[in-house]
């Protein structure tokens, strides 16, 4: 039986045309975050399992991690996210680093889950974190950065929205306002995180099953459903909307509006599944009705660095996967046409390939991306190869051209031909640097 040509389920092969898109995405990510002063880091794809057991959500650890025992009998995990890793790295050099610390990475992450639209078992993810800032200036900077990334991909503000909430406000609502037990709070929190994936009747039924008879009798279900339906903090019950955490969200919304960001809005149902969040949380949603879902998210997690036995460091960060981003760009027709990286495909006529290579080498050293066809096929077949590879220019380097030191450059898009010397070729591509 022959081996399968398919990649592992939930993973992807990146053929050159696929990789061009990935390179384009990474280039926009890098250019934007570096314009804010963020520095790139990296780390091993394997981590000890206990790193994730400490603070990551139970669902990820118990159901979605790739865990195995290495030859030293150690429990090892293929990283499902980057936040514990970057926290470990900061803790390792806690006293040596200069704060505020702005770091980013674009790692490959793996989670064992059912592949579906917008979710695969592996993906690439932009991670951006700022360490050492206690004020909301860190959150505001990252939300500005997120908006700039969208804009740099060609998106308009009307195409997406950023939802805001606060873990402190969530805790206040569940424990102080609704007076739920710790057990009920855990169950209800996980339930709210799945709210938009459930029918309303099913959600209410699950709420009833998560609460004690006393909590149900006190009207907790009705109160919670009222809170989850509000569109603005001012519509919350007075004892909730005057809470310090609610006032912090209002202040952040005001500051963002002053900076021209009008699509960052409070959403009481925003939960974020990770256990380490401690303050403001946020997610960006696609407003395309065919893909109305979360694309990325993050928030404040001040306690994670401190788990490594050092003084805690206030931290805000986010993660943004490539799969949801591509769906967004596709849905809004924002994907550019990405051509081959080659500027010229050089074809040969005759047998003097060595001499042709000398010419090609000079052009390449001048900064032109150029490949020489070594197949010795007919000229028409070599041109067909260039066309199939979507290369714009073909250079004919035959015996006649080598003798005259003048070469035929054909534009495959327009069929226009020019006869040029080496110097003229080099100048043409220097002047037309957008080739």
Protein backbone atom coordinates (compact mmCIF):
# COMPACT_ATOMS: atom_id res chain seq x y z
CA UNK A 1 0.00 0.00 0.00
CA UNK A 2 1.53 3.37 -1.01
CA UNK A 3 2.15 6.04 1.63
CA UNK A 4 -0.45 8.81 1.90
CA UNK A 5 0.43 12.16 0.34
CA UNK A 6 -1.81 14.05 2.79
CA UNK A 7 -0.33 16.00 5.74
CA UNK A 8 -1.20 15.10 9.34
CA UNK A 9 -4.87 15.84 10.07
CA UNK A 10 -5.39 19.45 11.09
CA UNK A 11 -1.97 20.53 9.80
CA UNK A 12 -0.92 22.10 6.50
CA UNK A 13 1.67 21.77 3.79
CA UNK A 14 2.97 25.12 2.58
CA UNK A 15 3.73 24.92 -1.13
CA UNK A 16 5.60 27.97 -2.50
CA UNK A 17 2.36 29.78 -3.39
CA UNK A 18 1.02 29.10 0.15
CA UNK A 19 4.27 30.16 1.70
CA UNK A 20 4.15 33.47 -0.18
CA UNK A 21 0.94 34.31 1.66
CA UNK A 22 2.48 33.30 4.98
CA UNK A 23 5.55 35.45 4.28
CA UNK A 24 3.28 38.39 3.39
CA UNK A 25 1.34 38.03 6.65
CA UNK A 26 4.50 37.73 8.71
CA UNK A 27 6.01 40.78 6.99
CA UNK A 28 3.00 42.98 7.88
CA UNK A 29 3.00 41.65 11.44
CA UNK A 30 6.73 42.27 11.87
CA UNK A 31 6.75 45.69 10.23
CA UNK A 32 3.84 46.93 12.37
CA UNK A 33 4.93 45.63 15.77
CA UNK A 34 8.54 46.71 15.21
CA UNK A 35 7.30 50.23 14.41
CA UNK A 36 6.11 50.30 18.05
CA UNK A 37 9.50 49.14 19.34
CA UNK A 38 8.77 45.45 19.93
CA UNK A 39 11.70 43.03 19.66
CA UNK A 40 11.45 39.48 18.34
CA UNK A 41 12.29 36.47 20.53
CA UNK A 42 11.95 32.71 20.08
CA UNK A 43 12.03 29.57 22.24
CA UNK A 44 11.91 25.76 21.97
CA UNK A 45 8.73 24.16 20.65
CA UNK A 46 8.87 21.67 23.58
CA UNK A 47 8.20 22.62 27.19
CA UNK A 48 7.80 20.63 30.45
CA UNK A 49 4.15 19.81 31.07
CA UNK A 50 4.14 21.46 34.51
CA UNK A 51 4.59 24.84 32.84
CA UNK A 52 1.04 24.56 31.49
CA UNK A 53 -0.47 22.77 34.47
CA UNK A 54 0.34 25.83 36.62
CA UNK A 55 -2.03 28.37 35.08
CA UNK A 56 -3.38 27.47 31.62
CA UNK A 57 -7.05 26.44 31.38
CA UNK A 58 -7.92 22.83 32.20
CA UNK A 59 -9.50 22.22 28.79
CA UNK A 60 -6.24 23.05 27.00
CA UNK A 61 -4.08 20.96 29.33
CA UNK A 62 -6.35 17.93 29.65
CA UNK A 63 -7.89 17.79 26.19
CA UNK A 64 -5.87 19.83 23.70
CA UNK A 65 -2.17 19.35 24.40
CA UNK A 66 0.20 16.99 22.61
CA UNK A 67 1.86 15.34 25.61
CA UNK A 68 4.44 12.57 25.60
CA UNK A 69 7.18 11.10 27.78
CA UNK A 70 10.72 11.61 26.51
CA UNK A 71 13.53 9.08 26.90
CA UNK A 72 14.44 10.61 30.23
CA UNK A 73 10.93 9.80 31.53
CA UNK A 74 9.99 13.51 31.58
CA UNK A 75 6.49 14.69 30.65
CA UNK A 76 6.86 17.01 27.68
CA UNK A 77 4.30 19.10 25.78
CA UNK A 78 4.39 20.60 22.29
CA UNK A 79 3.56 24.22 23.08
CA UNK A 80 -0.17 25.03 22.63
CA UNK A 81 0.40 28.74 23.36
CA UNK A 82 3.31 31.09 24.00
CA UNK A 83 2.37 33.06 27.11
CA UNK A 84 3.78 30.61 29.71
CA UNK A 85 7.00 30.35 27.68
CA UNK A 86 7.60 34.10 27.44
CA UNK A 87 6.79 34.45 31.14
CA UNK A 88 9.39 31.77 31.92
CA UNK A 89 11.96 33.61 29.79
CA UNK A 90 11.30 36.96 31.50
CA UNK A 91 11.46 35.33 34.95
CA UNK A 92 14.84 33.76 34.06
CA UNK A 93 16.36 37.24 33.56
CA UNK A 94 13.99 39.23 35.77
CA UNK A 95 16.68 41.56 37.16
CA UNK A 96 18.69 41.98 33.94
CA UNK A 97 15.95 43.18 31.60
CA UNK A 98 15.09 46.84 30.94
CA UNK A 99 11.42 47.71 31.50
CA UNK A 100 9.04 48.46 29.88
CA UNK A 101 9.91 45.32 27.94
CA UNK A 102 8.31 44.98 24.50
CA UNK A 103 8.62 41.51 22.94
CA UNK A 104 6.94 39.62 20.11
CA UNK A 105 7.21 36.23 18.43
CA UNK A 106 5.57 34.28 15.59
CA UNK A 107 5.69 30.65 16.77
CA UNK A 108 4.11 27.49 15.39
CA UNK A 109 1.58 26.21 17.97
CA UNK A 110 -0.21 22.86 18.32
CA UNK A 111 -3.50 21.90 19.96
CA UNK A 112 -5.24 18.56 19.70
CA UNK A 113 -8.77 19.59 18.77
CA UNK A 114 -11.32 18.87 16.08
CA UNK A 115 -10.30 20.72 12.89
CA UNK A 116 -13.01 23.13 11.75
CA UNK A 117 -13.41 26.47 9.99
CA UNK A 118 -10.96 28.89 11.57
CA UNK A 119 -9.37 26.22 13.78
CA UNK A 120 -6.69 23.70 12.92
CA UNK A 121 -4.46 21.57 15.10
CA UNK A 122 -1.46 23.67 14.16
CA UNK A 123 -1.22 27.34 13.37
CA UNK A 124 1.21 30.22 13.35
CA UNK A 125 0.47 33.01 15.79
CA UNK A 126 1.66 36.55 16.38
CA UNK A 127 2.28 37.01 20.11
CA UNK A 128 2.87 40.53 21.45
CA UNK A 129 3.55 41.33 25.12
CA UNK A 130 4.52 44.41 27.10
CA UNK A 131 6.04 43.84 30.55
CA UNK A 132 6.49 46.32 33.38
CA UNK A 133 3.57 48.74 32.87
CA UNK A 134 0.92 48.88 35.61
CA UNK A 135 -1.22 51.59 34.02
CA UNK A 136 -3.85 51.13 31.32
CA UNK A 137 -1.40 52.74 28.90
CA UNK A 138 -0.21 49.20 28.09
CA UNK A 139 -3.69 48.04 27.08
CA UNK A 140 -4.28 51.20 25.06
CA UNK A 141 -0.97 50.77 23.23
CA UNK A 142 -1.75 47.16 22.30
CA UNK A 143 -5.27 47.96 21.11
CA UNK A 144 -3.83 50.77 18.97
CA UNK A 145 -1.29 48.29 17.62
CA UNK A 146 -4.03 45.79 16.77
CA UNK A 147 -5.96 48.46 14.87
CA UNK A 148 -2.80 49.45 12.97
CA UNK A 149 -2.22 45.82 11.97
CA UNK A 150 -5.75 45.66 10.57
CA UNK A 151 -5.20 48.92 8.67
CA UNK A 152 -1.87 47.71 7.28
CA UNK A 153 -3.69 44.71 5.81
CA UNK A 154 -6.09 47.16 4.14
CA UNK A 155 -8.99 46.73 6.58
CA UNK A 156 -11.41 49.52 7.47
CA UNK A 157 -12.75 50.13 10.96
CA UNK A 158 -16.21 49.00 9.84
CA UNK A 159 -14.87 45.49 9.08
CA UNK A 160 -14.00 44.55 12.69
CA UNK A 161 -14.71 45.45 16.29
CA UNK A 162 -12.75 45.03 19.51
CA UNK A 163 -14.71 43.73 22.48
CA UNK A 164 -13.63 44.72 25.99
CA UNK A 165 -14.29 43.28 29.44
CA UNK A 166 -12.48 42.97 32.75
CA UNK A 167 -11.81 39.81 34.77
CA UNK A 168 -12.25 41.84 37.96
CA UNK A 169 -15.70 42.95 36.80
CA UNK A 170 -16.64 39.40 35.85
CA UNK A 171 -15.57 38.16 39.30
CA UNK A 172 -17.51 40.98 40.99
CA UNK A 173 -20.69 40.16 39.04
CA UNK A 174 -20.52 36.44 39.78
CA UNK A 175 -19.38 36.56 43.42
CA UNK A 176 -20.60 39.90 44.87
CA UNK A 177 -23.63 40.74 42.75
CA UNK A 178 -25.01 37.25 42.07
CA UNK A 179 -23.42 35.76 45.22
CA UNK A 180 -22.56 32.46 43.54
CA UNK A 181 -20.46 29.79 45.22
CA UNK A 182 -16.88 29.11 44.01
CA UNK A 183 -18.05 25.90 42.36
CA UNK A 184 -20.87 27.70 40.53
CA UNK A 185 -18.53 30.54 39.48
CA UNK A 186 -16.16 28.06 37.83
CA UNK A 187 -19.00 26.36 35.96
CA UNK A 188 -20.73 29.60 34.91
CA UNK A 189 -17.45 31.20 33.76
CA UNK A 190 -16.73 28.31 31.39
CA UNK A 191 -20.35 28.41 30.22
CA UNK A 192 -20.26 32.14 29.42
CA UNK A 193 -17.09 31.53 27.38
CA UNK A 194 -19.20 29.25 25.14
CA UNK A 195 -22.25 31.56 25.02
CA UNK A 196 -21.99 32.53 21.35
CA UNK A 197 -21.64 28.90 20.27
CA UNK A 198 -24.91 27.85 21.95
CA UNK A 199 -28.61 28.45 21.39
CA UNK A 200 -30.14 30.69 24.05
CA UNK A 201 -32.49 28.00 25.39
CA UNK A 202 -29.61 25.52 25.65
CA UNK A 203 -27.47 28.12 27.44
CA UNK A 204 -30.22 28.85 30.00
CA UNK A 205 -30.76 25.12 30.52
CA UNK A 206 -27.02 24.68 31.15
CA UNK A 207 -27.09 27.63 33.56
CA UNK A 208 -29.87 25.95 35.55
CA UNK A 209 -27.78 22.79 35.74
CA UNK A 210 -24.71 24.75 36.91
CA UNK A 211 -26.37 26.55 39.83
CA UNK A 212 -27.67 25.37 43.18
CA UNK A 213 -31.45 25.46 43.88
CA UNK A 214 -30.85 28.38 46.26
CA UNK A 215 -28.97 30.36 43.59
CA UNK A 216 -31.72 29.69 41.06
CA UNK A 217 -34.41 30.75 43.56
CA UNK A 218 -32.59 34.06 44.16
CA UNK A 219 -33.06 34.97 40.49
CA UNK A 220 -29.42 34.50 39.45
CA UNK A 221 -30.32 33.16 36.00
CA UNK A 222 -32.55 36.12 35.15
CA UNK A 223 -30.06 38.65 36.56
CA UNK A 224 -27.17 37.14 34.64
CA UNK A 225 -29.12 36.99 31.37
CA UNK A 226 -30.01 40.68 31.79
CA UNK A 227 -26.34 41.59 32.29
CA UNK A 228 -25.20 39.49 29.32
CA UNK A 229 -27.66 41.27 27.04
CA UNK A 230 -26.53 44.86 27.72
CA UNK A 231 -24.68 46.79 25.00
CA UNK A 232 -23.07 49.45 27.21
CA UNK A 233 -21.78 49.74 30.77
CA UNK A 234 -24.35 52.48 31.48
CA UNK A 235 -27.08 49.84 30.99
CA UNK A 236 -25.71 47.63 33.80
CA UNK A 237 -27.39 47.58 37.23
CA UNK A 238 -26.18 50.57 39.30
CA UNK A 239 -24.21 48.46 41.82
CA UNK A 240 -22.32 46.89 38.89
CA UNK A 241 -21.71 49.90 36.64
CA UNK A 242 -20.25 51.94 39.54
CA UNK A 243 -17.70 49.24 40.32
CA UNK A 244 -14.03 50.32 39.93
CA UNK A 245 -13.43 47.75 37.18
CA UNK A 246 -16.40 49.04 35.17
CA UNK A 247 -15.10 52.60 35.58
CA UNK A 248 -11.69 51.44 34.29
CA UNK A 249 -13.30 50.08 31.11
CA UNK A 250 -15.18 53.39 30.63
CA UNK A 251 -11.91 55.31 30.99
CA UNK A 252 -10.13 53.07 28.46
CA UNK A 253 -13.01 53.45 25.98
CA UNK A 254 -12.75 57.25 26.31
CA UNK A 255 -8.98 57.28 25.74
CA UNK A 256 -9.29 55.02 22.71
CA UNK A 257 -11.94 57.29 21.20
CA UNK A 258 -9.65 60.29 21.69
CA UNK A 259 -7.10 58.42 19.61
CA UNK A 260 -9.63 57.79 16.85
CA UNK A 261 -10.61 54.22 17.78
CA UNK A 262 -14.41 54.06 17.86
CA UNK A 263 -14.95 50.32 17.45
CA UNK A 264 -13.64 49.18 20.87
CA UNK A 265 -16.76 48.38 22.89
CA UNK A 266 -17.72 46.74 26.19
CA UNK A 267 -19.10 43.19 25.94
CA UNK A 268 -20.18 41.56 29.24
CA UNK A 269 -20.10 38.08 27.68
CA UNK A 270 -16.38 38.27 26.82
CA UNK A 271 -14.65 35.78 29.09
CA UNK A 272 -11.35 34.49 27.59
CA UNK A 273 -10.66 30.87 28.58
CA UNK A 274 -7.22 31.18 30.15
CA UNK A 275 -7.04 31.16 33.94
CA UNK A 276 -4.09 33.56 34.15
CA UNK A 277 -5.89 36.76 33.07
CA UNK A 278 -6.19 39.26 35.91
CA UNK A 279 -7.42 42.55 34.38
CA UNK A 280 -8.77 43.98 31.14
CA UNK A 281 -9.39 41.38 28.42
CA UNK A 282 -10.11 42.01 24.74
CA UNK A 283 -10.89 40.22 21.49
CA UNK A 284 -11.18 41.40 17.88
CA UNK A 285 -14.25 40.14 16.00
CA UNK A 286 -14.86 39.93 12.27
CA UNK A 287 -18.04 41.82 11.35
CA UNK A 288 -18.49 39.84 8.13
CA UNK A 289 -21.80 37.97 8.71
CA UNK A 290 -20.32 34.90 7.02
CA UNK A 291 -17.43 34.80 9.50
CA UNK A 292 -18.76 36.56 12.59
CA UNK A 293 -16.24 35.19 15.07
CA UNK A 294 -13.29 36.07 17.27
CA UNK A 295 -10.00 36.41 15.39
CA UNK A 296 -7.56 37.20 18.19
CA UNK A 297 -7.51 38.08 21.84
CA UNK A 298 -5.52 38.94 24.91
CA UNK A 299 -5.47 40.88 28.13
CA UNK A 300 -3.62 41.64 31.34
CA UNK A 301 -1.95 38.81 33.26
CA UNK A 302 0.08 40.33 36.09
CA UNK A 303 0.71 37.15 38.07
CA UNK A 304 2.26 34.69 35.62
CA UNK A 305 5.93 35.75 35.86
CA UNK A 306 5.70 35.53 39.65
CA UNK A 307 4.89 31.79 39.47
CA UNK A 308 8.58 31.20 38.71
CA UNK A 309 9.70 32.34 42.16
CA UNK A 310 10.56 35.96 41.26
CA UNK A 311 8.79 39.24 41.90
CA UNK A 312 5.70 39.57 39.67
CA UNK A 313 5.82 41.78 36.58
CA UNK A 314 2.68 43.57 35.33
CA UNK A 315 2.02 42.27 31.81
CA UNK A 316 -0.42 42.74 28.93
CA UNK A 317 -0.32 40.66 25.77
CA UNK A 318 -2.27 39.16 22.88
CA UNK A 319 -2.13 36.32 20.37
CA UNK A 320 -3.35 36.43 16.75
CA UNK A 321 -3.46 33.27 14.63
CA UNK A 322 -2.82 33.12 10.90
CA UNK A 323 -5.86 30.90 10.14
CA UNK A 324 -8.48 33.36 11.42
CA UNK A 325 -6.60 36.25 9.81
CA UNK A 326 -6.62 34.59 6.37
CA UNK A 327 -10.37 33.93 6.72
CA UNK A 328 -10.86 37.62 7.54
CA UNK A 329 -8.75 38.81 4.60
CA UNK A 330 -10.53 36.42 2.23
CA UNK A 331 -13.97 37.45 3.42
CA UNK A 332 -13.25 41.14 2.90
CA UNK A 333 -11.37 40.64 -0.40
CA UNK A 334 -8.14 42.01 1.07
CA UNK A 335 -5.74 39.31 -0.09
CA UNK A 336 -3.21 40.75 -2.55
CA UNK A 337 -2.06 38.96 -5.68
CA UNK A 338 1.30 37.54 -4.68
CA UNK A 339 3.65 36.75 -7.54
CA UNK A 340 6.80 34.68 -7.77
CA UNK A 341 9.83 36.15 -5.98
CA UNK A 342 11.87 35.79 -9.18
CA UNK A 343 12.33 38.92 -11.27
CA UNK A 344 13.57 37.08 -14.36
CA UNK A 345 13.53 33.52 -15.69
CA UNK A 346 16.51 33.12 -18.00
CA UNK A 347 16.15 30.72 -20.94
CA UNK A 348 18.99 29.32 -23.03
CA UNK A 349 19.30 28.52 -26.71
CA UNK A 350 22.29 26.48 -27.78
CA UNK A 351 24.85 24.71 -25.65
CA UNK A 352 26.85 27.49 -24.01
CA UNK A 353 25.28 27.27 -20.52
CA UNK A 354 28.57 28.05 -18.74
CA UNK A 355 28.89 31.37 -20.55
CA UNK A 356 25.21 32.10 -19.92
CA UNK A 357 25.77 31.43 -16.23
CA UNK A 358 28.51 34.08 -16.16
CA UNK A 359 26.01 36.69 -17.40
CA UNK A 360 23.32 35.48 -15.00
CA UNK A 361 25.76 35.67 -12.08
CA UNK A 362 26.54 39.34 -12.84
CA UNK A 363 22.82 40.16 -12.93
CA UNK A 364 22.20 38.29 -9.69
CA UNK A 365 25.05 40.11 -7.92
CA UNK A 366 23.49 43.41 -8.97
CA UNK A 367 20.40 42.52 -6.89
CA UNK A 368 18.16 40.90 -9.53
CA UNK A 369 16.42 37.63 -8.54
CA UNK A 370 17.09 35.44 -11.57
CA UNK A 371 16.99 31.70 -12.28
CA UNK A 372 18.53 29.96 -15.29
CA UNK A 373 16.67 27.14 -17.01
CA UNK A 374 19.06 24.17 -17.11
CA UNK A 375 16.71 21.75 -18.85
CA UNK A 376 17.93 22.31 -22.45
CA UNK A 377 14.30 22.08 -23.57
CA UNK A 378 12.97 23.97 -26.57
CA UNK A 379 12.65 27.72 -26.04
CA UNK A 380 8.84 27.54 -26.19
CA UNK A 381 8.83 24.93 -23.40
CA UNK A 382 11.18 27.01 -21.23
CA UNK A 383 8.90 30.03 -21.65
CA UNK A 384 5.92 27.84 -20.78
CA UNK A 385 7.71 26.89 -17.53
CA UNK A 386 8.20 30.56 -16.65
CA UNK A 387 4.54 31.27 -17.36
CA UNK A 388 3.43 28.34 -15.18
CA UNK A 389 5.59 29.71 -12.35
CA UNK A 390 3.90 33.13 -12.83
CA UNK A 391 7.20 34.90 -13.48
CA UNK A 392 6.72 38.24 -15.23
CA UNK A 393 9.93 38.43 -17.29
CA UNK A 394 11.80 35.95 -19.47
CA UNK A 395 15.37 36.66 -20.60
CA UNK A 396 16.59 34.88 -23.72
CA UNK A 397 20.30 34.08 -23.45
CA UNK A 398 21.26 32.23 -26.63
CA UNK A 399 24.50 31.91 -28.58
CA UNK A 400 23.55 34.92 -30.71
CA UNK A 401 22.77 37.03 -27.64
CA UNK A 402 26.00 36.00 -25.91
CA UNK A 403 28.02 36.93 -29.01
CA UNK A 404 26.42 40.40 -29.26
CA UNK A 405 26.18 40.93 -25.47
CA UNK A 406 22.55 42.05 -26.03
CA UNK A 407 19.70 40.00 -24.60
CA UNK A 408 15.99 39.74 -25.34
CA UNK A 409 13.77 40.55 -22.32
CA UNK A 410 10.14 39.53 -22.80
CA UNK A 411 7.30 40.68 -20.58
CA UNK A 412 4.98 37.65 -20.39
CA UNK A 413 2.05 39.81 -19.25
CA UNK A 414 2.19 42.20 -22.24
CA UNK A 415 4.32 40.18 -24.74
CA UNK A 416 6.48 43.31 -25.24
CA UNK A 417 10.15 42.55 -25.97
CA UNK A 418 13.23 44.71 -25.42
CA UNK A 419 16.83 44.11 -26.51
CA UNK A 420 19.12 45.19 -23.64
CA UNK A 421 22.75 45.03 -22.57
CA UNK A 422 23.75 43.82 -19.10
CA UNK A 423 24.05 47.42 -17.89
CA UNK A 424 20.64 48.34 -19.34
CA UNK A 425 19.08 45.29 -17.68
CA UNK A 426 20.57 46.20 -14.31
CA UNK A 427 19.43 49.81 -14.62
CA UNK A 428 15.92 48.78 -15.66
CA UNK A 429 15.41 46.71 -12.53
CA UNK A 430 17.06 49.28 -10.27
CA UNK A 431 14.75 52.03 -11.57
CA UNK A 432 11.66 49.83 -11.52
CA UNK A 433 12.23 48.53 -8.01
CA UNK A 434 8.56 47.52 -7.69
CA UNK A 435 9.00 44.72 -10.24
